């Protein structure tokens, strides 16, 4: 089997994708292998999701008062 350059593979898969970018079409160099479950890549500049340790996303617990008021509302609805 002859060795093809990346440029040759790119042009061939670009034709298969109808002129679209074959990487974005998922035909070449699949990015999904490197994405988190939110579709972000490491060092992405979009809002942090907490999946990558180097992004430092802040995770905060809800205050206790909110969960108690929700419980009271559900008890009133059930009664």
PDB file of N, CA and C in Angstrom:
ATOM      1  N   UNK A   1       0.848  -1.171   0.000  1.00  0.00           N
ATOM      2  CA  UNK A   1       0.000   0.000   0.000  1.00  0.00           C
ATOM      3  C   UNK A   1       0.898   1.240   0.000  1.00  0.00           C
ATOM      4  N   UNK A   2       0.684   2.144  -0.948  1.00  0.00           N
ATOM      5  CA  UNK A   2       1.523   3.340  -1.018  1.00  0.00           C
ATOM      6  C   UNK A   2       1.196   4.306   0.121  1.00  0.00           C
ATOM      7  N   UNK A   3       2.223   4.996   0.595  1.00  0.00           N
ATOM      8  CA  UNK A   3       2.062   5.968   1.676  1.00  0.00           C
ATOM      9  C   UNK A   3       1.574   7.293   1.093  1.00  0.00           C
ATOM     10  N   UNK A   4       0.431   7.789   1.597  1.00  0.00           N
ATOM     11  CA  UNK A   4      -0.101   9.073   1.145  1.00  0.00           C
ATOM     12  C   UNK A   4       0.269  10.160   2.130  1.00  0.00           C
ATOM     13  N   UNK A   5       0.517  11.342   1.628  1.00  0.00           N
ATOM     14  CA  UNK A   5       0.773  12.470   2.509  1.00  0.00           C
ATOM     15  C   UNK A   5      -0.547  12.929   3.127  1.00  0.00           C
ATOM     16  N   UNK A   6      -0.444  13.700   4.193  1.00  0.00           N
ATOM     17  CA  UNK A   6      -1.652  14.223   4.827  1.00  0.00           C
ATOM     18  C   UNK A   6      -2.420  15.117   3.852  1.00  0.00           C
ATOM     19  N   UNK A   7      -1.694  15.914   3.075  1.00  0.00           N
ATOM     20  CA  UNK A   7      -2.338  16.816   2.115  1.00  0.00           C
ATOM     21  C   UNK A   7      -3.138  16.027   1.085  1.00  0.00           C
ATOM     22  N   UNK A   8      -2.591  14.911   0.616  1.00  0.00           N
ATOM     23  CA  UNK A   8      -3.301  14.086  -0.371  1.00  0.00           C
ATOM     24  C   UNK A   8      -4.545  13.456   0.254  1.00  0.00           C
ATOM     25  N   UNK A   9      -4.430  12.948   1.483  1.00  0.00           N
ATOM     26  CA  UNK A   9      -5.604  12.388   2.165  1.00  0.00           C
ATOM     27  C   UNK A   9      -6.650  13.461   2.419  1.00  0.00           C
ATOM     28  N   UNK A  10      -6.196  14.669   2.790  1.00  0.00           N
ATOM     29  CA  UNK A  10      -7.112  15.771   3.049  1.00  0.00           C
ATOM     30  C   UNK A  10      -7.913  16.115   1.795  1.00  0.00           C
ATOM     31  N   UNK A  11      -7.229  16.249   0.665  1.00  0.00           N
ATOM     32  CA  UNK A  11      -7.913  16.589  -0.592  1.00  0.00           C
ATOM     33  C   UNK A  11      -8.887  15.490  -1.016  1.00  0.00           C
ATOM     34  N   UNK A  12      -8.498  14.235  -0.826  1.00  0.00           N
ATOM     35  CA  UNK A  12      -9.384  13.122  -1.199  1.00  0.00           C
ATOM     36  C   UNK A  12     -10.636  13.096  -0.323  1.00  0.00           C
ATOM     37  N   UNK A  13     -10.475  13.279   0.968  1.00  0.00           N
ATOM     38  CA  UNK A  13     -11.645  13.271   1.850  1.00  0.00           C
ATOM     39  C   UNK A  13     -12.458  14.555   1.716  1.00  0.00           C
ATOM     40  N   UNK A  14     -11.819  15.636   1.298  1.00  0.00           N
ATOM     41  CA  UNK A  14     -12.564  16.874   1.036  1.00  0.00           C
ATOM     42  C   UNK A  14     -13.529  16.663  -0.126  1.00  0.00           C
ATOM     43  N   UNK A  15     -13.095  15.935  -1.130  1.00  0.00           N
ATOM     44  CA  UNK A  15     -13.995  15.602  -2.259  1.00  0.00           C
ATOM     45  C   UNK A  15     -15.151  14.726  -1.781  1.00  0.00           C
ATOM     46  N   UNK A  16     -14.860  13.760  -0.913  1.00  0.00           N
ATOM     47  CA  UNK A  16     -15.916  12.903  -0.369  1.00  0.00           C
ATOM     48  C   UNK A  16     -16.924  13.684   0.467  1.00  0.00           C
ATOM     49  N   UNK A  17     -16.446  14.735   1.115  1.00  0.00           N
ATOM     50  CA  UNK A  17     -17.312  15.545   1.978  1.00  0.00           C
ATOM     51  C   UNK A  17     -18.037  16.631   1.188  1.00  0.00           C
ATOM     52  N   UNK A  18     -17.913  16.616  -0.123  1.00  0.00           N
ATOM     53  CA  UNK A  18     -18.612  17.599  -0.945  1.00  0.00           C
ATOM     54  C   UNK A  18     -18.031  18.996  -0.855  1.00  0.00           C
ATOM     55  N   UNK A  19     -16.727  19.092  -0.638  1.00  0.00           N
ATOM     56  CA  UNK A  19     -16.065  20.381  -0.562  1.00  0.00           C
ATOM     57  C   UNK A  19     -15.971  20.938   0.852  1.00  0.00           C
ATOM     58  N   UNK A  20     -16.642  20.308   1.788  1.00  0.00           N
ATOM     59  CA  UNK A  20     -16.566  20.749   3.190  1.00  0.00           C
ATOM     60  C   UNK A  20     -15.250  20.303   3.808  1.00  0.00           C
ATOM     61  N   UNK A  21     -14.919  20.871   4.931  1.00  0.00           N
ATOM     62  CA  UNK A  21     -13.700  20.489   5.653  1.00  0.00           C
ATOM     63  C   UNK A  21     -13.863  19.045   6.141  1.00  0.00           C
ATOM     64  N   UNK A  22     -12.982  18.139   5.754  1.00  0.00           N
ATOM     65  CA  UNK A  22     -13.142  16.736   6.169  1.00  0.00           C
ATOM     66  C   UNK A  22     -12.935  16.518   7.665  1.00  0.00           C
ATOM     67  N   UNK A  23     -12.202  17.410   8.323  1.00  0.00           N
ATOM     68  CA  UNK A  23     -12.015  17.281   9.770  1.00  0.00           C
ATOM     69  C   UNK A  23     -13.322  17.615  10.471  1.00  0.00           C
ATOM     70  N   UNK A  24     -13.956  18.725  10.062  1.00  0.00           N
ATOM     71  CA  UNK A  24     -15.235  19.111  10.657  1.00  0.00           C
ATOM     72  C   UNK A  24     -16.343  18.111  10.293  1.00  0.00           C
ATOM     73  N   UNK A  25     -16.236  17.484   9.128  1.00  0.00           N
ATOM     74  CA  UNK A  25     -17.226  16.492   8.707  1.00  0.00           C
ATOM     75  C   UNK A  25     -17.044  15.164   9.437  1.00  0.00           C
ATOM     76  N   UNK A  26     -15.941  15.005  10.156  1.00  0.00           N
ATOM     77  CA  UNK A  26     -15.695  13.786  10.908  1.00  0.00           C
ATOM     78  C   UNK A  26     -15.104  12.655  10.089  1.00  0.00           C
ATOM     79  N   UNK A  27     -14.530  12.976   8.940  1.00  0.00           N
ATOM     80  CA  UNK A  27     -13.945  11.952   8.077  1.00  0.00           C
ATOM     81  C   UNK A  27     -12.445  11.799   8.257  1.00  0.00           C
ATOM     82  N   UNK A  28     -11.797  12.784   8.844  1.00  0.00           N
ATOM     83  CA  UNK A  28     -10.341  12.788   8.969  1.00  0.00           C
ATOM     84  C   UNK A  28      -9.969  13.423  10.300  1.00  0.00           C
ATOM     85  N   UNK A  29      -9.035  12.822  11.024  1.00  0.00           N
ATOM     86  CA  UNK A  29      -8.554  13.367  12.296  1.00  0.00           C
ATOM     87  C   UNK A  29      -9.710  13.696  13.232  1.00  0.00           C
ATOM     88  N   UNK A  30     -10.455  12.736  13.598  1.00  0.00           N
ATOM     89  CA  UNK A  30     -11.647  12.959  14.406  1.00  0.00           C
ATOM     90  C   UNK A  30     -11.325  13.705  15.695  1.00  0.00           C
ATOM     91  N   UNK A  31     -11.914  14.886  15.839  1.00  0.00           N
ATOM     92  CA  UNK A  31     -11.684  15.705  17.018  1.00  0.00           C
ATOM     93  C   UNK A  31     -12.397  15.141  18.235  1.00  0.00           C
ATOM     94  N   UNK A  32     -13.452  14.370  18.025  1.00  0.00           N
ATOM     95  CA  UNK A  32     -14.238  13.849  19.142  1.00  0.00           C
ATOM     96  C   UNK A  32     -13.398  12.975  20.069  1.00  0.00           C
ATOM     97  N   UNK A  33     -12.313  12.431  19.570  1.00  0.00           N
ATOM     98  CA  UNK A  33     -11.433  11.623  20.408  1.00  0.00           C
ATOM     99  C   UNK A  33     -10.757  12.464  21.483  1.00  0.00           C
ATOM    100  N   UNK A  34     -10.715  13.771  21.277  1.00  0.00           N
ATOM    101  CA  UNK A  34     -10.019  14.658  22.203  1.00  0.00           C
ATOM    102  C   UNK A  34     -10.954  15.636  22.899  1.00  0.00           C
ATOM    103  N   UNK A  35     -12.268  15.509  22.698  1.00  0.00           N
ATOM    104  CA  UNK A  35     -13.235  16.422  23.294  1.00  0.00           C
ATOM    105  C   UNK A  35     -13.793  15.847  24.589  1.00  0.00           C
ATOM    106  N   UNK A  36     -14.240  16.721  25.473  1.00  0.00           N
ATOM    107  CA  UNK A  36     -14.921  16.267  26.682  1.00  0.00           C
ATOM    108  C   UNK A  36     -16.382  15.997  26.340  1.00  0.00           C
ATOM    109  N   UNK A  37     -17.166  15.601  27.313  1.00  0.00           N
ATOM    110  CA  UNK A  37     -18.573  15.290  27.043  1.00  0.00           C
ATOM    111  C   UNK A  37     -19.390  16.521  26.669  1.00  0.00           C
ATOM    112  N   UNK A  38     -18.820  17.723  26.881  1.00  0.00           N
ATOM    113  CA  UNK A  38     -19.506  18.964  26.520  1.00  0.00           C
ATOM    114  C   UNK A  38     -19.085  19.466  25.142  1.00  0.00           C
ATOM    115  N   UNK A  39     -18.217  18.727  24.472  1.00  0.00           N
ATOM    116  CA  UNK A  39     -17.766  19.119  23.139  1.00  0.00           C
ATOM    117  C   UNK A  39     -16.636  20.130  23.131  1.00  0.00           C
ATOM    118  N   UNK A  40     -15.946  20.284  24.250  1.00  0.00           N
ATOM    119  CA  UNK A  40     -14.841  21.227  24.342  1.00  0.00           C
ATOM    120  C   UNK A  40     -13.500  20.511  24.262  1.00  0.00           C
ATOM    121  N   UNK A  41     -12.527  21.176  23.687  1.00  0.00           N
ATOM    122  CA  UNK A  41     -11.154  20.672  23.662  1.00  0.00           C
ATOM    123  C   UNK A  41     -10.385  21.267  24.832  1.00  0.00           C
ATOM    124  N   UNK A  42      -9.307  20.610  25.227  1.00  0.00           N
ATOM    125  CA  UNK A  42      -8.457  21.160  26.280  1.00  0.00           C
ATOM    126  C   UNK A  42      -7.928  22.514  25.822  1.00  0.00           C
ATOM    127  N   UNK A  43      -7.837  23.468  26.732  1.00  0.00           N
ATOM    128  CA  UNK A  43      -7.373  24.835  26.473  1.00  0.00           C
ATOM    129  C   UNK A  43      -8.291  25.609  25.531  1.00  0.00           C
ATOM    130  N   UNK A  44      -9.556  25.189  25.413  1.00  0.00           N
ATOM    131  CA  UNK A  44     -10.561  25.911  24.635  1.00  0.00           C
ATOM    132  C   UNK A  44     -10.821  27.250  25.310  1.00  0.00           C
ATOM    133  N   UNK A  45     -11.115  28.286  24.542  1.00  0.00           N
ATOM    134  CA  UNK A  45     -11.335  29.616  25.120  1.00  0.00           C
ATOM    135  C   UNK A  45     -12.796  29.872  25.467  1.00  0.00           C
ATOM    136  N   UNK A  46     -13.678  28.909  25.243  1.00  0.00           N
ATOM    137  CA  UNK A  46     -15.081  29.086  25.622  1.00  0.00           C
ATOM    138  C   UNK A  46     -15.226  28.933  27.139  1.00  0.00           C
ATOM    139  N   UNK A  47     -16.438  29.099  27.639  1.00  0.00           N
ATOM    140  CA  UNK A  47     -16.665  29.054  29.092  1.00  0.00           C
ATOM    141  C   UNK A  47     -16.236  27.704  29.663  1.00  0.00           C
ATOM    142  N   UNK A  48     -15.538  27.692  30.806  1.00  0.00           N
ATOM    143  CA  UNK A  48     -15.071  26.442  31.403  1.00  0.00           C
ATOM    144  C   UNK A  48     -16.237  25.550  31.828  1.00  0.00           C
ATOM    145  N   UNK A  49     -16.061  24.247  31.650  1.00  0.00           N
ATOM    146  CA  UNK A  49     -17.110  23.303  32.034  1.00  0.00           C
ATOM    147  C   UNK A  49     -16.697  22.434  33.218  1.00  0.00           C
ATOM    148  N   UNK A  50     -15.394  22.424  33.562  1.00  0.00           N
ATOM    149  CA  UNK A  50     -14.925  21.647  34.693  1.00  0.00           C
ATOM    150  C   UNK A  50     -14.339  20.295  34.325  1.00  0.00           C
ATOM    151  N   UNK A  51     -14.343  19.949  33.062  1.00  0.00           N
ATOM    152  CA  UNK A  51     -13.825  18.638  32.639  1.00  0.00           C
ATOM    153  C   UNK A  51     -12.300  18.597  32.555  1.00  0.00           C
ATOM    154  N   UNK A  52     -11.671  19.720  32.270  1.00  0.00           N
ATOM    155  CA  UNK A  52     -10.220  19.754  32.108  1.00  0.00           C
ATOM    156  C   UNK A  52      -9.591  20.339  33.368  1.00  0.00           C
ATOM    157  N   UNK A  53      -8.634  19.654  33.975  1.00  0.00           N
ATOM    158  CA  UNK A  53      -8.054  20.127  35.238  1.00  0.00           C
ATOM    159  C   UNK A  53      -7.346  21.473  35.114  1.00  0.00           C
ATOM    160  N   UNK A  54      -6.822  21.811  33.949  1.00  0.00           N
ATOM    161  CA  UNK A  54      -6.073  23.052  33.811  1.00  0.00           C
ATOM    162  C   UNK A  54      -6.957  24.289  33.634  1.00  0.00           C
ATOM    163  N   UNK A  55      -8.270  24.124  33.491  1.00  0.00           N
ATOM    164  CA  UNK A  55      -9.116  25.296  33.273  1.00  0.00           C
ATOM    165  C   UNK A  55      -9.607  25.940  34.563  1.00  0.00           C
ATOM    166  N   UNK A  56      -9.567  25.250  35.671  1.00  0.00           N
ATOM    167  CA  UNK A  56      -9.922  25.841  36.947  1.00  0.00           C
ATOM    168  C   UNK A  56     -11.362  26.280  37.061  1.00  0.00           C
ATOM    169  N   UNK A  57     -12.291  25.499  36.576  1.00  0.00           N
ATOM    170  CA  UNK A  57     -13.711  25.841  36.690  1.00  0.00           C
ATOM    171  C   UNK A  57     -14.129  25.804  38.156  1.00  0.00           C
ATOM    172  N   UNK A  58     -14.961  26.731  38.525  1.00  0.00           N
ATOM    173  CA  UNK A  58     -15.418  26.823  39.906  1.00  0.00           C
ATOM    174  C   UNK A  58     -16.709  26.030  40.070  1.00  0.00           C
ATOM    175  N   UNK A  59     -16.718  25.136  41.043  1.00  0.00           N
ATOM    176  CA  UNK A  59     -17.913  24.361  41.362  1.00  0.00           C
ATOM    177  C   UNK A  59     -18.353  24.753  42.755  1.00  0.00           C
ATOM    178  N   UNK A  60     -19.579  25.217  42.867  1.00  0.00           N
ATOM    179  CA  UNK A  60     -20.081  25.675  44.163  1.00  0.00           C
ATOM    180  C   UNK A  60     -21.333  24.894  44.535  1.00  0.00           C
ATOM    181  N   UNK A  61     -21.460  24.602  45.811  1.00  0.00           N
ATOM    182  CA  UNK A  61     -22.656  23.925  46.311  1.00  0.00           C
ATOM    183  C   UNK A  61     -23.766  24.948  46.520  1.00  0.00           C
ATOM    184  N   UNK A  62     -25.004  24.523  46.348  1.00  0.00           N
ATOM    185  CA  UNK A  62     -26.145  25.397  46.605  1.00  0.00           C
ATOM    186  C   UNK A  62     -26.300  25.613  48.096  1.00  0.00           C
ATOM    187  N   UNK A  63     -26.763  26.776  48.510  1.00  0.00           N
ATOM    188  CA  UNK A  63     -27.000  27.014  49.930  1.00  0.00           C
ATOM    189  C   UNK A  63     -28.079  26.084  50.467  1.00  0.00           C
ATOM    190  N   UNK A  64     -27.990  25.760  51.741  1.00  0.00           N
ATOM    191  CA  UNK A  64     -28.961  24.860  52.372  1.00  0.00           C
ATOM    192  C   UNK A  64     -30.381  25.409  52.331  1.00  0.00           C
ATOM    193  N   UNK A  65     -30.560  26.706  52.445  1.00  0.00           N
ATOM    194  CA  UNK A  65     -31.887  27.311  52.487  1.00  0.00           C
ATOM    195  C   UNK A  65     -32.714  27.026  51.244  1.00  0.00           C
ATOM    196  N   UNK A  66     -32.083  26.904  50.112  1.00  0.00           N
ATOM    197  CA  UNK A  66     -32.809  26.653  48.862  1.00  0.00           C
ATOM    198  C   UNK A  66     -33.414  25.263  48.869  1.00  0.00           C
ATOM    199  N   UNK A  67     -32.659  24.265  49.298  1.00  0.00           N
ATOM    200  CA  UNK A  67     -33.179  22.900  49.267  1.00  0.00           C
ATOM    201  C   UNK A  67     -34.325  22.725  50.260  1.00  0.00           C
ATOM    202  N   UNK A  68     -34.294  23.417  51.400  1.00  0.00           N
ATOM    203  CA  UNK A  68     -35.377  23.313  52.385  1.00  0.00           C
ATOM    204  C   UNK A  68     -36.662  23.930  51.852  1.00  0.00           C
ATOM    205  N   UNK A  69     -36.577  25.098  51.207  1.00  0.00           N
ATOM    206  CA  UNK A  69     -37.782  25.730  50.686  1.00  0.00           C
ATOM    207  C   UNK A  69     -38.387  24.894  49.572  1.00  0.00           C
ATOM    208  N   UNK A  70     -37.574  24.247  48.774  1.00  0.00           N
ATOM    209  CA  UNK A  70     -38.081  23.363  47.723  1.00  0.00           C
ATOM    210  C   UNK A  70     -38.811  22.178  48.339  1.00  0.00           C
ATOM    211  N   UNK A  71     -38.272  21.639  49.430  1.00  0.00           N
ATOM    212  CA  UNK A  71     -38.907  20.516  50.101  1.00  0.00           C
ATOM    213  C   UNK A  71     -40.276  20.916  50.641  1.00  0.00           C
ATOM    214  N   UNK A  72     -40.371  22.098  51.207  1.00  0.00           N
ATOM    215  CA  UNK A  72     -41.641  22.575  51.754  1.00  0.00           C
ATOM    216  C   UNK A  72     -42.669  22.753  50.640  1.00  0.00           C
ATOM    217  N   UNK A  73     -42.230  23.261  49.491  1.00  0.00           N
ATOM    218  CA  UNK A  73     -43.144  23.429  48.363  1.00  0.00           C
ATOM    219  C   UNK A  73     -43.682  22.082  47.905  1.00  0.00           C
ATOM    220  N   UNK A  74     -42.838  21.079  47.815  1.00  0.00           N
ATOM    221  CA  UNK A  74     -43.282  19.757  47.355  1.00  0.00           C
ATOM    222  C   UNK A  74     -44.215  19.118  48.379  1.00  0.00           C
ATOM    223  N   UNK A  75     -44.003  19.385  49.667  1.00  0.00           N
ATOM    224  CA  UNK A  75     -44.898  18.862  50.685  1.00  0.00           C
ATOM    225  C   UNK A  75     -46.269  19.507  50.595  1.00  0.00           C
ATOM    226  N   UNK A  76     -46.310  20.829  50.277  1.00  0.00           N
ATOM    227  CA  UNK A  76     -47.589  21.521  50.131  1.00  0.00           C
ATOM    228  C   UNK A  76     -48.361  21.010  48.923  1.00  0.00           C
ATOM    229  N   UNK A  77     -47.649  20.743  47.842  1.00  0.00           N
ATOM    230  CA  UNK A  77     -48.306  20.245  46.629  1.00  0.00           C
ATOM    231  C   UNK A  77     -48.868  18.848  46.880  1.00  0.00           C
ATOM    232  N   UNK A  78     -48.139  18.005  47.598  1.00  0.00           N
ATOM    233  CA  UNK A  78     -48.568  16.635  47.856  1.00  0.00           C
ATOM    234  C   UNK A  78     -49.767  16.603  48.818  1.00  0.00           C
ATOM    235  N   UNK A  79     -49.925  17.593  49.661  1.00  0.00           N
ATOM    236  CA  UNK A  79     -51.008  17.580  50.675  1.00  0.00           C
ATOM    237  C   UNK A  79     -52.351  17.948  50.119  1.00  0.00           C
TER     238      UNK A  79
END
